[in-house]
């Protein structure tokens, strides 16, 4: 059987994908707040932009806020089918590796 190349994921990218799979749509600061300190405010959007470029996540602008409410609409992120498959492949590879240790 041919070896299949799994796209690389950094630890932070895995954290983001796992959260998006578990929570569904989320905005960047929500991911930071739910990451137990693994993600930082200053870098989460850098990772999300790179992941979007790679087709792992997609985003859309939040519905406009009520008139008179200050602030720009947030970007809401969700995992793509490709992102789900890549994360599943990483999880399966990690499990296979862990089983080889026992």
PDB file of N, CA and C in Angstrom:
ATOM      1  N   UNK A   1       0.848  -1.175   0.000  1.00  0.00           N
ATOM      2  CA  UNK A   1       0.000   0.000   0.000  1.00  0.00           C
ATOM      3  C   UNK A   1       0.896   1.241   0.000  1.00  0.00           C
ATOM      4  N   UNK A   2       0.519   2.247  -0.775  1.00  0.00           N
ATOM      5  CA  UNK A   2       1.294   3.478  -0.877  1.00  0.00           C
ATOM      6  C   UNK A   2       1.095   4.332   0.362  1.00  0.00           C
ATOM      7  N   UNK A   3       2.192   4.975   0.766  1.00  0.00           N
ATOM      8  CA  UNK A   3       2.092   5.928   1.873  1.00  0.00           C
ATOM      9  C   UNK A   3       1.385   7.184   1.376  1.00  0.00           C
ATOM     10  N   UNK A   4       0.532   7.720   2.215  1.00  0.00           N
ATOM     11  CA  UNK A   4      -0.189   8.946   1.885  1.00  0.00           C
ATOM     12  C   UNK A   4       0.436  10.081   2.679  1.00  0.00           C
ATOM     13  N   UNK A   5       0.765  11.155   1.995  1.00  0.00           N
ATOM     14  CA  UNK A   5       1.344  12.328   2.658  1.00  0.00           C
ATOM     15  C   UNK A   5       0.230  13.125   3.349  1.00  0.00           C
ATOM     16  N   UNK A   6       0.376  13.313   4.633  1.00  0.00           N
ATOM     17  CA  UNK A   6      -0.585  14.090   5.416  1.00  0.00           C
ATOM     18  C   UNK A   6      -0.056  15.518   5.522  1.00  0.00           C
ATOM     19  N   UNK A   7      -0.867  16.520   5.170  1.00  0.00           N
ATOM     20  CA  UNK A   7      -0.400  17.907   5.321  1.00  0.00           C
ATOM     21  C   UNK A   7       0.018  18.184   6.756  1.00  0.00           C
ATOM     22  N   UNK A   8       1.051  18.973   6.910  1.00  0.00           N
ATOM     23  CA  UNK A   8       1.555  19.313   8.240  1.00  0.00           C
ATOM     24  C   UNK A   8       0.589  20.244   8.966  1.00  0.00           C
ATOM     25  N   UNK A   9       0.537  20.052  10.267  1.00  0.00           N
ATOM     26  CA  UNK A   9      -0.220  20.950  11.154  1.00  0.00           C
ATOM     27  C   UNK A   9       0.653  21.271  12.349  1.00  0.00           C
ATOM     28  N   UNK A  10       0.727  22.538  12.683  1.00  0.00           N
ATOM     29  CA  UNK A  10       1.424  22.911  13.917  1.00  0.00           C
ATOM     30  C   UNK A  10       0.516  22.580  15.103  1.00  0.00           C
ATOM     31  N   UNK A  11       1.088  22.608  16.281  1.00  0.00           N
ATOM     32  CA  UNK A  11       0.304  22.340  17.487  1.00  0.00           C
ATOM     33  C   UNK A  11      -0.856  23.336  17.614  1.00  0.00           C
ATOM     34  N   UNK A  12      -0.581  24.604  17.311  1.00  0.00           N
ATOM     35  CA  UNK A  12      -1.627  25.613  17.425  1.00  0.00           C
ATOM     36  C   UNK A  12      -2.710  25.404  16.367  1.00  0.00           C
ATOM     37  N   UNK A  13      -2.329  24.974  15.185  1.00  0.00           N
ATOM     38  CA  UNK A  13      -3.335  24.685  14.157  1.00  0.00           C
ATOM     39  C   UNK A  13      -4.220  23.515  14.593  1.00  0.00           C
ATOM     40  N   UNK A  14      -3.629  22.512  15.230  1.00  0.00           N
ATOM     41  CA  UNK A  14      -4.429  21.387  15.737  1.00  0.00           C
ATOM     42  C   UNK A  14      -5.394  21.867  16.826  1.00  0.00           C
ATOM     43  N   UNK A  15      -4.921  22.755  17.696  1.00  0.00           N
ATOM     44  CA  UNK A  15      -5.789  23.309  18.752  1.00  0.00           C
ATOM     45  C   UNK A  15      -6.977  24.025  18.117  1.00  0.00           C
ATOM     46  N   UNK A  16      -6.713  24.842  17.124  1.00  0.00           N
ATOM     47  CA  UNK A  16      -7.778  25.596  16.449  1.00  0.00           C
ATOM     48  C   UNK A  16      -8.762  24.644  15.784  1.00  0.00           C
ATOM     49  N   UNK A  17      -8.257  23.666  15.039  1.00  0.00           N
ATOM     50  CA  UNK A  17      -9.165  22.735  14.348  1.00  0.00           C
ATOM     51  C   UNK A  17      -9.993  21.930  15.342  1.00  0.00           C
ATOM     52  N   UNK A  18      -9.362  21.443  16.415  1.00  0.00           N
ATOM     53  CA  UNK A  18     -10.127  20.675  17.410  1.00  0.00           C
ATOM     54  C   UNK A  18     -11.238  21.521  18.020  1.00  0.00           C
ATOM     55  N   UNK A  19     -10.935  22.788  18.320  1.00  0.00           N
ATOM     56  CA  UNK A  19     -11.962  23.665  18.898  1.00  0.00           C
ATOM     57  C   UNK A  19     -13.093  23.911  17.908  1.00  0.00           C
ATOM     58  N   UNK A  20     -12.755  24.159  16.654  1.00  0.00           N
ATOM     59  CA  UNK A  20     -13.799  24.432  15.659  1.00  0.00           C
ATOM     60  C   UNK A  20     -14.663  23.203  15.420  1.00  0.00           C
ATOM     61  N   UNK A  21     -14.063  22.022  15.460  1.00  0.00           N
ATOM     62  CA  UNK A  21     -14.856  20.796  15.314  1.00  0.00           C
ATOM     63  C   UNK A  21     -15.789  20.635  16.507  1.00  0.00           C
ATOM     64  N   UNK A  22     -15.279  20.872  17.710  1.00  0.00           N
ATOM     65  CA  UNK A  22     -16.070  20.683  18.923  1.00  0.00           C
ATOM     66  C   UNK A  22     -17.142  21.753  19.109  1.00  0.00           C
ATOM     67  N   UNK A  23     -16.813  23.009  18.806  1.00  0.00           N
ATOM     68  CA  UNK A  23     -17.708  24.132  19.096  1.00  0.00           C
ATOM     69  C   UNK A  23     -18.527  24.588  17.909  1.00  0.00           C
ATOM     70  N   UNK A  24     -18.107  24.239  16.715  1.00  0.00           N
ATOM     71  CA  UNK A  24     -18.747  24.798  15.530  1.00  0.00           C
ATOM     72  C   UNK A  24     -18.149  26.162  15.236  1.00  0.00           C
ATOM     73  N   UNK A  25     -18.919  27.035  14.658  1.00  0.00           N
ATOM     74  CA  UNK A  25     -18.426  28.359  14.285  1.00  0.00           C
ATOM     75  C   UNK A  25     -17.949  29.129  15.509  1.00  0.00           C
ATOM     76  N   UNK A  26     -16.821  29.814  15.348  1.00  0.00           N
ATOM     77  CA  UNK A  26     -16.259  30.612  16.445  1.00  0.00           C
ATOM     78  C   UNK A  26     -15.507  31.790  15.860  1.00  0.00           C
ATOM     79  N   UNK A  27     -15.365  32.834  16.641  1.00  0.00           N
ATOM     80  CA  UNK A  27     -14.518  33.954  16.235  1.00  0.00           C
ATOM     81  C   UNK A  27     -13.184  33.818  16.956  1.00  0.00           C
ATOM     82  N   UNK A  28     -12.171  34.545  16.495  1.00  0.00           N
ATOM     83  CA  UNK A  28     -10.810  34.379  16.979  1.00  0.00           C
ATOM     84  C   UNK A  28     -10.636  34.506  18.478  1.00  0.00           C
ATOM     85  N   UNK A  29     -11.193  35.554  19.073  1.00  0.00           N
ATOM     86  CA  UNK A  29     -11.014  35.737  20.518  1.00  0.00           C
ATOM     87  C   UNK A  29     -11.736  34.663  21.320  1.00  0.00           C
ATOM     88  N   UNK A  30     -12.794  34.113  20.773  1.00  0.00           N
ATOM     89  CA  UNK A  30     -13.480  33.000  21.428  1.00  0.00           C
ATOM     90  C   UNK A  30     -12.554  31.777  21.456  1.00  0.00           C
ATOM     91  N   UNK A  31     -11.826  31.557  20.353  1.00  0.00           N
ATOM     92  CA  UNK A  31     -10.861  30.456  20.311  1.00  0.00           C
ATOM     93  C   UNK A  31      -9.769  30.667  21.351  1.00  0.00           C
ATOM     94  N   UNK A  32      -9.279  31.908  21.468  1.00  0.00           N
ATOM     95  CA  UNK A  32      -8.246  32.228  22.456  1.00  0.00           C
ATOM     96  C   UNK A  32      -8.773  31.954  23.859  1.00  0.00           C
ATOM     97  N   UNK A  33      -9.962  32.444  24.159  1.00  0.00           N
ATOM     98  CA  UNK A  33     -10.534  32.295  25.503  1.00  0.00           C
ATOM     99  C   UNK A  33     -10.780  30.843  25.883  1.00  0.00           C
ATOM    100  N   UNK A  34     -11.015  29.981  24.909  1.00  0.00           N
ATOM    101  CA  UNK A  34     -11.311  28.573  25.181  1.00  0.00           C
ATOM    102  C   UNK A  34     -10.105  27.660  25.010  1.00  0.00           C
ATOM    103  N   UNK A  35      -8.910  28.235  24.875  1.00  0.00           N
ATOM    104  CA  UNK A  35      -7.734  27.420  24.565  1.00  0.00           C
ATOM    105  C   UNK A  35      -6.853  27.103  25.773  1.00  0.00           C
ATOM    106  N   UNK A  36      -7.266  27.464  26.967  1.00  0.00           N
ATOM    107  CA  UNK A  36      -6.459  27.233  28.171  1.00  0.00           C
ATOM    108  C   UNK A  36      -5.043  27.779  28.019  1.00  0.00           C
ATOM    109  N   UNK A  37      -4.923  28.940  27.388  1.00  0.00           N
ATOM    110  CA  UNK A  37      -3.639  29.607  27.251  1.00  0.00           C
ATOM    111  C   UNK A  37      -2.775  29.148  26.087  1.00  0.00           C
ATOM    112  N   UNK A  38      -3.250  28.198  25.295  1.00  0.00           N
ATOM    113  CA  UNK A  38      -2.445  27.703  24.171  1.00  0.00           C
ATOM    114  C   UNK A  38      -2.420  28.675  22.994  1.00  0.00           C
ATOM    115  N   UNK A  39      -3.472  29.473  22.854  1.00  0.00           N
ATOM    116  CA  UNK A  39      -3.525  30.458  21.777  1.00  0.00           C
ATOM    117  C   UNK A  39      -3.448  31.845  22.380  1.00  0.00           C
ATOM    118  N   UNK A  40      -2.805  32.739  21.658  1.00  0.00           N
ATOM    119  CA  UNK A  40      -2.649  34.117  22.126  1.00  0.00           C
ATOM    120  C   UNK A  40      -3.376  35.069  21.187  1.00  0.00           C
ATOM    121  N   UNK A  41      -3.841  36.146  21.746  1.00  0.00           N
ATOM    122  CA  UNK A  41      -4.569  37.175  20.990  1.00  0.00           C
ATOM    123  C   UNK A  41      -3.784  37.700  19.801  1.00  0.00           C
ATOM    124  N   UNK A  42      -2.497  37.896  19.979  1.00  0.00           N
ATOM    125  CA  UNK A  42      -1.673  38.505  18.947  1.00  0.00           C
ATOM    126  C   UNK A  42      -1.356  37.600  17.772  1.00  0.00           C
ATOM    127  N   UNK A  43      -1.561  36.301  17.927  1.00  0.00           N
ATOM    128  CA  UNK A  43      -1.195  35.381  16.840  1.00  0.00           C
ATOM    129  C   UNK A  43      -2.348  34.561  16.279  1.00  0.00           C
ATOM    130  N   UNK A  44      -3.470  34.504  16.966  1.00  0.00           N
ATOM    131  CA  UNK A  44      -4.540  33.611  16.508  1.00  0.00           C
ATOM    132  C   UNK A  44      -4.998  33.962  15.089  1.00  0.00           C
ATOM    133  N   UNK A  45      -5.073  35.254  14.772  1.00  0.00           N
ATOM    134  CA  UNK A  45      -5.553  35.635  13.441  1.00  0.00           C
ATOM    135  C   UNK A  45      -4.509  35.352  12.362  1.00  0.00           C
ATOM    136  N   UNK A  46      -3.234  35.370  12.730  1.00  0.00           N
ATOM    137  CA  UNK A  46      -2.185  34.979  11.781  1.00  0.00           C
ATOM    138  C   UNK A  46      -2.387  33.516  11.401  1.00  0.00           C
ATOM    139  N   UNK A  47      -2.593  32.666  12.402  1.00  0.00           N
ATOM    140  CA  UNK A  47      -2.828  31.252  12.141  1.00  0.00           C
ATOM    141  C   UNK A  47      -4.111  31.045  11.342  1.00  0.00           C
ATOM    142  N   UNK A  48      -5.180  31.715  11.730  1.00  0.00           N
ATOM    143  CA  UNK A  48      -6.454  31.556  11.026  1.00  0.00           C
ATOM    144  C   UNK A  48      -6.336  31.982   9.564  1.00  0.00           C
ATOM    145  N   UNK A  49      -5.628  33.072   9.285  1.00  0.00           N
ATOM    146  CA  UNK A  49      -5.451  33.512   7.892  1.00  0.00           C
ATOM    147  C   UNK A  49      -4.660  32.485   7.089  1.00  0.00           C
ATOM    148  N   UNK A  50      -3.584  31.968   7.662  1.00  0.00           N
ATOM    149  CA  UNK A  50      -2.799  30.930   6.971  1.00  0.00           C
ATOM    150  C   UNK A  50      -3.632  29.679   6.734  1.00  0.00           C
ATOM    151  N   UNK A  51      -4.401  29.302   7.743  1.00  0.00           N
ATOM    152  CA  UNK A  51      -5.233  28.102   7.620  1.00  0.00           C
ATOM    153  C   UNK A  51      -6.318  28.291   6.567  1.00  0.00           C
ATOM    154  N   UNK A  52      -6.835  29.499   6.470  1.00  0.00           N
ATOM    155  CA  UNK A  52      -7.839  29.784   5.441  1.00  0.00           C
ATOM    156  C   UNK A  52      -7.199  29.699   4.055  1.00  0.00           C
ATOM    157  N   UNK A  53      -5.990  30.216   3.913  1.00  0.00           N
ATOM    158  CA  UNK A  53      -5.264  30.128   2.637  1.00  0.00           C
ATOM    159  C   UNK A  53      -5.023  28.676   2.228  1.00  0.00           C
ATOM    160  N   UNK A  54      -4.848  27.797   3.212  1.00  0.00           N
ATOM    161  CA  UNK A  54      -4.589  26.373   2.946  1.00  0.00           C
ATOM    162  C   UNK A  54      -5.880  25.561   2.804  1.00  0.00           C
ATOM    163  N   UNK A  55      -7.028  26.203   2.987  1.00  0.00           N
ATOM    164  CA  UNK A  55      -8.303  25.514   2.831  1.00  0.00           C
ATOM    165  C   UNK A  55      -8.737  24.698   4.032  1.00  0.00           C
ATOM    166  N   UNK A  56      -8.129  24.931   5.185  1.00  0.00           N
ATOM    167  CA  UNK A  56      -8.478  24.185   6.392  1.00  0.00           C
ATOM    168  C   UNK A  56      -9.671  24.787   7.122  1.00  0.00           C
ATOM    169  N   UNK A  57      -9.826  26.093   7.023  1.00  0.00           N
ATOM    170  CA  UNK A  57     -10.958  26.797   7.628  1.00  0.00           C
ATOM    171  C   UNK A  57     -11.513  27.784   6.607  1.00  0.00           C
ATOM    172  N   UNK A  58     -12.721  28.226   6.851  1.00  0.00           N
ATOM    173  CA  UNK A  58     -13.314  29.294   6.042  1.00  0.00           C
ATOM    174  C   UNK A  58     -13.953  30.291   6.993  1.00  0.00           C
ATOM    175  N   UNK A  59     -14.118  31.507   6.512  1.00  0.00           N
ATOM    176  CA  UNK A  59     -14.678  32.532   7.388  1.00  0.00           C
ATOM    177  C   UNK A  59     -15.735  33.341   6.659  1.00  0.00           C
ATOM    178  N   UNK A  60     -16.519  34.012   7.470  1.00  0.00           N
ATOM    179  CA  UNK A  60     -17.515  34.949   6.949  1.00  0.00           C
ATOM    180  C   UNK A  60     -17.649  36.060   7.968  1.00  0.00           C
ATOM    181  N   UNK A  61     -18.107  37.215   7.510  1.00  0.00           N
ATOM    182  CA  UNK A  61     -18.332  38.320   8.444  1.00  0.00           C
ATOM    183  C   UNK A  61     -19.622  38.071   9.206  1.00  0.00           C
ATOM    184  N   UNK A  62     -19.569  38.401  10.485  1.00  0.00           N
ATOM    185  CA  UNK A  62     -20.752  38.305  11.336  1.00  0.00           C
ATOM    186  C   UNK A  62     -21.803  39.279  10.822  1.00  0.00           C
ATOM    187  N   UNK A  63     -23.046  38.960  11.032  1.00  0.00           N
ATOM    188  CA  UNK A  63     -24.122  39.868  10.656  1.00  0.00           C
ATOM    189  C   UNK A  63     -23.864  41.232  11.291  1.00  0.00           C
ATOM    190  N   UNK A  64     -24.248  42.269  10.596  1.00  0.00           N
ATOM    191  CA  UNK A  64     -24.032  43.631  11.085  1.00  0.00           C
ATOM    192  C   UNK A  64     -24.638  43.803  12.471  1.00  0.00           C
ATOM    193  N   UNK A  65     -23.926  44.540  13.284  1.00  0.00           N
ATOM    194  CA  UNK A  65     -24.421  44.830  14.624  1.00  0.00           C
ATOM    195  C   UNK A  65     -25.624  45.766  14.539  1.00  0.00           C
ATOM    196  N   UNK A  66     -26.357  45.851  15.606  1.00  0.00           N
ATOM    197  CA  UNK A  66     -27.519  46.743  15.642  1.00  0.00           C
ATOM    198  C   UNK A  66     -27.083  48.179  15.389  1.00  0.00           C
ATOM    199  N   UNK A  67     -27.919  48.960  14.730  1.00  0.00           N
ATOM    200  CA  UNK A  67     -27.570  50.369  14.514  1.00  0.00           C
ATOM    201  C   UNK A  67     -27.264  51.060  15.838  1.00  0.00           C
ATOM    202  N   UNK A  68     -26.219  51.858  15.837  1.00  0.00           N
ATOM    203  CA  UNK A  68     -25.838  52.588  17.029  1.00  0.00           C
ATOM    204  C   UNK A  68     -24.880  51.837  17.938  1.00  0.00           C
ATOM    205  N   UNK A  69     -24.625  50.564  17.656  1.00  0.00           N
ATOM    206  CA  UNK A  69     -23.688  49.786  18.456  1.00  0.00           C
ATOM    207  C   UNK A  69     -22.310  49.912  17.819  1.00  0.00           C
ATOM    208  N   UNK A  70     -21.330  50.319  18.613  1.00  0.00           N
ATOM    209  CA  UNK A  70     -19.974  50.536  18.097  1.00  0.00           C
ATOM    210  C   UNK A  70     -19.277  49.197  17.858  1.00  0.00           C
ATOM    211  N   UNK A  71     -18.333  49.218  16.923  1.00  0.00           N
ATOM    212  CA  UNK A  71     -17.514  48.033  16.667  1.00  0.00           C
ATOM    213  C   UNK A  71     -17.756  47.470  15.290  1.00  0.00           C
ATOM    214  N   UNK A  72     -16.704  46.934  14.736  1.00  0.00           N
ATOM    215  CA  UNK A  72     -16.786  46.305  13.416  1.00  0.00           C
ATOM    216  C   UNK A  72     -17.307  44.880  13.560  1.00  0.00           C
ATOM    217  N   UNK A  73     -17.983  44.372  12.530  1.00  0.00           N
ATOM    218  CA  UNK A  73     -18.431  42.974  12.585  1.00  0.00           C
ATOM    219  C   UNK A  73     -17.223  42.037  12.696  1.00  0.00           C
ATOM    220  N   UNK A  74     -17.374  40.972  13.481  1.00  0.00           N
ATOM    221  CA  UNK A  74     -16.297  39.994  13.648  1.00  0.00           C
ATOM    222  C   UNK A  74     -16.307  39.002  12.496  1.00  0.00           C
ATOM    223  N   UNK A  75     -15.161  38.328  12.290  1.00  0.00           N
ATOM    224  CA  UNK A  75     -15.088  37.230  11.342  1.00  0.00           C
ATOM    225  C   UNK A  75     -15.372  35.951  12.116  1.00  0.00           C
ATOM    226  N   UNK A  76     -16.258  35.147  11.573  1.00  0.00           N
ATOM    227  CA  UNK A  76     -16.625  33.874  12.177  1.00  0.00           C
ATOM    228  C   UNK A  76     -15.958  32.772  11.358  1.00  0.00           C
ATOM    229  N   UNK A  77     -15.270  31.844  12.029  1.00  0.00           N
ATOM    230  CA  UNK A  77     -14.519  30.779  11.369  1.00  0.00           C
ATOM    231  C   UNK A  77     -15.183  29.438  11.601  1.00  0.00           C
ATOM    232  N   UNK A  78     -15.059  28.572  10.587  1.00  0.00           N
ATOM    233  CA  UNK A  78     -15.516  27.194  10.725  1.00  0.00           C
ATOM    234  C   UNK A  78     -14.557  26.293   9.964  1.00  0.00           C
ATOM    235  N   UNK A  79     -14.468  25.059  10.405  1.00  0.00           N
ATOM    236  CA  UNK A  79     -13.583  24.102   9.762  1.00  0.00           C
ATOM    237  C   UNK A  79     -14.212  23.660   8.435  1.00  0.00           C
ATOM    238  N   UNK A  80     -13.382  23.421   7.430  1.00  0.00           N
ATOM    239  CA  UNK A  80     -13.861  22.932   6.132  1.00  0.00           C
ATOM    240  C   UNK A  80     -13.807  21.409   6.122  1.00  0.00           C
ATOM    241  N   UNK A  81     -14.350  20.807   5.090  1.00  0.00           N
ATOM    242  CA  UNK A  81     -14.250  19.359   4.928  1.00  0.00           C
ATOM    243  C   UNK A  81     -12.796  18.917   4.866  1.00  0.00           C
ATOM    244  N   UNK A  82     -11.978  19.679   4.141  1.00  0.00           N
ATOM    245  CA  UNK A  82     -10.552  19.376   4.050  1.00  0.00           C
ATOM    246  C   UNK A  82      -9.908  19.460   5.429  1.00  0.00           C
ATOM    247  N   UNK A  83     -10.235  20.486   6.190  1.00  0.00           N
ATOM    248  CA  UNK A  83      -9.697  20.633   7.543  1.00  0.00           C
ATOM    249  C   UNK A  83     -10.093  19.469   8.438  1.00  0.00           C
ATOM    250  N   UNK A  84     -11.332  19.012   8.321  1.00  0.00           N
ATOM    251  CA  UNK A  84     -11.795  17.833   9.084  1.00  0.00           C
ATOM    252  C   UNK A  84     -10.979  16.603   8.729  1.00  0.00           C
ATOM    253  N   UNK A  85     -10.741  16.386   7.436  1.00  0.00           N
ATOM    254  CA  UNK A  85      -9.991  15.204   6.990  1.00  0.00           C
ATOM    255  C   UNK A  85      -8.537  15.254   7.445  1.00  0.00           C
ATOM    256  N   UNK A  86      -7.929  16.436   7.364  1.00  0.00           N
ATOM    257  CA  UNK A  86      -6.535  16.585   7.794  1.00  0.00           C
ATOM    258  C   UNK A  86      -6.418  16.333   9.295  1.00  0.00           C
ATOM    259  N   UNK A  87      -7.322  16.897  10.087  1.00  0.00           N
ATOM    260  CA  UNK A  87      -7.296  16.682  11.530  1.00  0.00           C
ATOM    261  C   UNK A  87      -7.508  15.203  11.855  1.00  0.00           C
ATOM    262  N   UNK A  88      -8.457  14.564  11.198  1.00  0.00           N
ATOM    263  CA  UNK A  88      -8.713  13.137  11.431  1.00  0.00           C
ATOM    264  C   UNK A  88      -7.483  12.301  11.087  1.00  0.00           C
ATOM    265  N   UNK A  89      -6.789  12.647  10.014  1.00  0.00           N
ATOM    266  CA  UNK A  89      -5.578  11.918   9.628  1.00  0.00           C
ATOM    267  C   UNK A  89      -4.489  12.088  10.683  1.00  0.00           C
ATOM    268  N   UNK A  90      -4.351  13.282  11.226  1.00  0.00           N
ATOM    269  CA  UNK A  90      -3.359  13.530  12.277  1.00  0.00           C
ATOM    270  C   UNK A  90      -3.706  12.753  13.536  1.00  0.00           C
ATOM    271  N   UNK A  91      -4.978  12.736  13.884  1.00  0.00           N
ATOM    272  CA  UNK A  91      -5.392  12.015  15.083  1.00  0.00           C
ATOM    273  C   UNK A  91      -5.179  10.510  14.913  1.00  0.00           C
ATOM    274  N   UNK A  92      -5.471   9.980  13.719  1.00  0.00           N
ATOM    275  CA  UNK A  92      -5.261   8.556  13.456  1.00  0.00           C
ATOM    276  C   UNK A  92      -3.780   8.216  13.486  1.00  0.00           C
ATOM    277  N   UNK A  93      -2.943   9.076  12.920  1.00  0.00           N
ATOM    278  CA  UNK A  93      -1.499   8.849  12.928  1.00  0.00           C
ATOM    279  C   UNK A  93      -0.946   8.883  14.351  1.00  0.00           C
ATOM    280  N   UNK A  94      -1.437   9.812  15.171  1.00  0.00           N
ATOM    281  CA  UNK A  94      -0.982   9.903  16.563  1.00  0.00           C
ATOM    282  C   UNK A  94      -1.390   8.660  17.341  1.00  0.00           C
ATOM    283  N   UNK A  95      -2.592   8.161  17.094  1.00  0.00           N
ATOM    284  CA  UNK A  95      -3.063   6.953  17.764  1.00  0.00           C
ATOM    285  C   UNK A  95      -2.222   5.743  17.349  1.00  0.00           C
ATOM    286  N   UNK A  96      -1.948   5.638  16.062  1.00  0.00           N
ATOM    287  CA  UNK A  96      -1.131   4.525  15.549  1.00  0.00           C
ATOM    288  C   UNK A  96       0.265   4.586  16.163  1.00  0.00           C
ATOM    289  N   UNK A  97       0.831   5.797  16.246  1.00  0.00           N
ATOM    290  CA  UNK A  97       2.149   5.968  16.834  1.00  0.00           C
ATOM    291  C   UNK A  97       2.131   5.565  18.307  1.00  0.00           C
ATOM    292  N   UNK A  98       1.090   6.003  19.038  1.00  0.00           N
ATOM    293  CA  UNK A  98       0.983   5.673  20.470  1.00  0.00           C
ATOM    294  C   UNK A  98       0.819   4.172  20.676  1.00  0.00           C
ATOM    295  N   UNK A  99       0.073   3.515  19.819  1.00  0.00           N
ATOM    296  CA  UNK A  99      -0.098   2.060  19.931  1.00  0.00           C
ATOM    297  C   UNK A  99       1.221   1.342  19.685  1.00  0.00           C
ATOM    298  N   UNK A 100       2.070   1.905  18.845  1.00  0.00           N
ATOM    299  CA  UNK A 100       3.380   1.299  18.588  1.00  0.00           C
ATOM    300  C   UNK A 100       4.319   1.390  19.754  1.00  0.00           C
ATOM    301  N   UNK A 101       4.042   2.294  20.698  1.00  0.00           N
ATOM    302  CA  UNK A 101       4.878   2.444  21.873  1.00  0.00           C
ATOM    303  C   UNK A 101       4.581   1.393  22.936  1.00  0.00           C
ATOM    304  N   UNK A 102       3.410   0.789  22.873  1.00  0.00           N
ATOM    305  CA  UNK A 102       3.021  -0.179  23.914  1.00  0.00           C
ATOM    306  C   UNK A 102       3.397  -1.588  23.550  1.00  0.00           C
TER     307      UNK A 102
END
